[in-house]
Amino acid sequence: MKPRVNLWIEIDDQVVLSRWRVGLLNAIAETGSISAAADLIGVPYRRAWEKIHEMEQRLGVALLDTQTGGPKGGGARLTPAAQDFVARFLLFSEGIDRHVQQQFQEAFSDHVE
């Protein structure tokens, strides 16, 4: 047995950050492209762009610096604000995961190897 926790942060009952959304931002940072990031995590480009737009609207900050087309193609990179939100979410989620694991061990110690 292993515990799993689905974690997200809301503003006015609307999701702004989640493990999936932070994964999307990390994929953009890794690939330098929204399209490549969408391919990497297995979602359509349109869905990736919609989620980024939702996060930017709800947080009130730009999360990406983008360049369109051209001879070398376009690209995207995380803004300092996005990098900060990603780092804070990862710190928060890692703490939650440690706490959940500890509570799980206490509650199910006789069923865990």
Protein backbone atom coordinates (compact mmCIF):
# COMPACT_ATOMS: atom_id res chain seq x y z
CA MET A 1 0.00 0.00 0.00
CA LYS A 2 1.09 3.52 -0.74
CA PRO A 3 -0.72 6.81 -0.05
CA ARG A 4 -1.44 9.27 -2.84
CA VAL A 5 -2.46 12.90 -2.43
CA ASN A 6 -3.95 15.10 -5.11
CA LEU A 7 -2.88 18.64 -4.28
CA TRP A 8 -3.88 21.98 -5.75
CA ILE A 9 -4.16 25.63 -4.75
CA GLU A 10 -7.22 27.74 -5.53
CA ILE A 11 -8.14 31.39 -5.71
CA ASP A 12 -11.88 32.10 -5.47
CA ASP A 13 -12.64 28.36 -5.89
CA GLN A 14 -10.63 28.15 -9.12
CA VAL A 15 -7.43 26.13 -9.50
CA VAL A 16 -4.29 28.20 -9.99
CA LEU A 17 -1.55 25.69 -9.19
CA SER A 18 -1.53 21.91 -9.08
CA ARG A 19 0.94 19.11 -9.52
CA TRP A 20 -0.16 18.80 -13.15
CA ARG A 21 0.07 22.54 -13.85
CA VAL A 22 3.50 22.79 -12.22
CA GLY A 23 4.53 19.76 -14.30
CA LEU A 24 3.44 21.67 -17.41
CA LEU A 25 5.50 24.69 -16.38
CA ASN A 26 8.51 22.46 -15.68
CA ALA A 27 8.10 20.83 -19.11
CA ILE A 28 8.09 24.29 -20.73
CA ALA A 29 11.25 25.20 -18.80
CA GLU A 30 12.85 21.94 -19.93
CA THR A 31 11.86 22.11 -23.61
CA GLY A 32 11.73 25.86 -24.21
CA SER A 33 8.42 25.45 -26.02
CA ILE A 34 4.73 25.18 -25.16
CA SER A 35 4.19 22.79 -28.07
CA ALA A 36 7.11 20.54 -27.11
CA ALA A 37 6.03 20.62 -23.45
CA ALA A 38 2.49 19.60 -24.43
CA ASP A 39 3.90 16.70 -26.45
CA LEU A 40 6.17 15.72 -23.56
CA ILE A 41 3.30 15.47 -21.07
CA GLY A 42 0.85 14.04 -23.60
CA VAL A 43 -1.75 16.79 -23.96
CA PRO A 44 -2.89 18.85 -26.93
CA TYR A 45 -1.18 22.22 -27.41
CA ARG A 46 -4.52 23.98 -27.03
CA ARG A 47 -5.11 22.47 -23.58
CA ALA A 48 -1.63 23.42 -22.42
CA TRP A 49 -2.08 26.99 -23.62
CA GLU A 50 -5.54 27.23 -21.99
CA LYS A 51 -4.16 26.11 -18.62
CA ILE A 52 -1.29 28.58 -18.83
CA HIS A 53 -3.72 31.37 -19.69
CA GLU A 54 -5.98 30.36 -16.75
CA MET A 55 -3.06 30.44 -14.35
CA GLU A 56 -1.88 33.83 -15.60
CA GLN A 57 -5.37 35.33 -15.35
CA ARG A 58 -6.07 33.94 -11.89
CA LEU A 59 -2.63 34.77 -10.46
CA GLY A 60 -2.52 38.17 -12.15
CA VAL A 61 1.03 37.71 -13.45
CA ALA A 62 2.71 36.63 -16.68
CA LEU A 63 4.17 33.16 -16.34
CA LEU A 64 5.84 32.91 -19.74
CA ASP A 65 8.03 35.01 -21.99
CA THR A 66 7.28 33.86 -25.55
CA GLN A 67 8.72 34.47 -28.99
CA THR A 68 6.76 33.64 -32.12
CA GLY A 69 8.02 31.87 -35.25
CA GLY A 70 10.88 33.25 -37.28
CA PRO A 71 13.83 31.47 -38.88
CA LYS A 72 14.80 29.73 -35.65
CA GLY A 73 11.20 29.07 -34.59
CA GLY A 74 9.43 30.38 -31.53
CA GLY A 75 10.01 29.61 -27.93
CA ALA A 76 8.87 30.06 -24.37
CA ARG A 77 10.58 30.41 -21.06
CA LEU A 78 9.34 30.85 -17.52
CA THR A 79 9.25 34.35 -16.08
CA PRO A 80 10.86 34.94 -12.70
CA ALA A 81 7.33 34.94 -11.21
CA ALA A 82 6.64 31.49 -12.69
CA GLN A 83 9.96 30.17 -11.41
CA ASP A 84 9.07 31.46 -7.96
CA PHE A 85 5.59 29.88 -8.00
CA VAL A 86 7.04 26.55 -9.18
CA ALA A 87 9.70 26.56 -6.45
CA ARG A 88 7.19 27.45 -3.74
CA PHE A 89 4.67 24.84 -4.91
CA LEU A 90 7.36 22.14 -4.99
CA LEU A 91 8.52 23.07 -1.49
CA PHE A 92 4.91 23.02 -0.24
CA SER A 93 4.04 19.73 -1.96
CA GLU A 94 7.20 17.99 -0.74
CA GLY A 95 6.31 18.98 2.82
CA ILE A 96 2.76 17.69 2.37
CA ASP A 97 4.09 14.42 0.92
CA ARG A 98 6.42 13.92 3.90
CA HIS A 99 3.58 14.59 6.33
CA VAL A 100 1.23 12.22 4.49
CA GLN A 101 3.88 9.50 4.47
CA GLN A 102 4.47 9.95 8.21
CA GLN A 103 0.75 9.83 8.99
CA PHE A 104 0.37 6.79 6.75
CA GLN A 105 3.21 4.99 8.52
CA GLU A 106 1.60 5.69 11.89
CA ALA A 107 -1.87 4.59 10.81
CA PHE A 108 -0.86 1.54 8.77
CA SER A 109 2.46 0.49 10.30
CA ASP A 110 1.27 -3.10 10.63
CA HIS A 111 0.50 -3.22 6.86
CA VAL A 112 3.59 -1.47 5.48
CA GLU A 113 6.87 -3.20 4.73
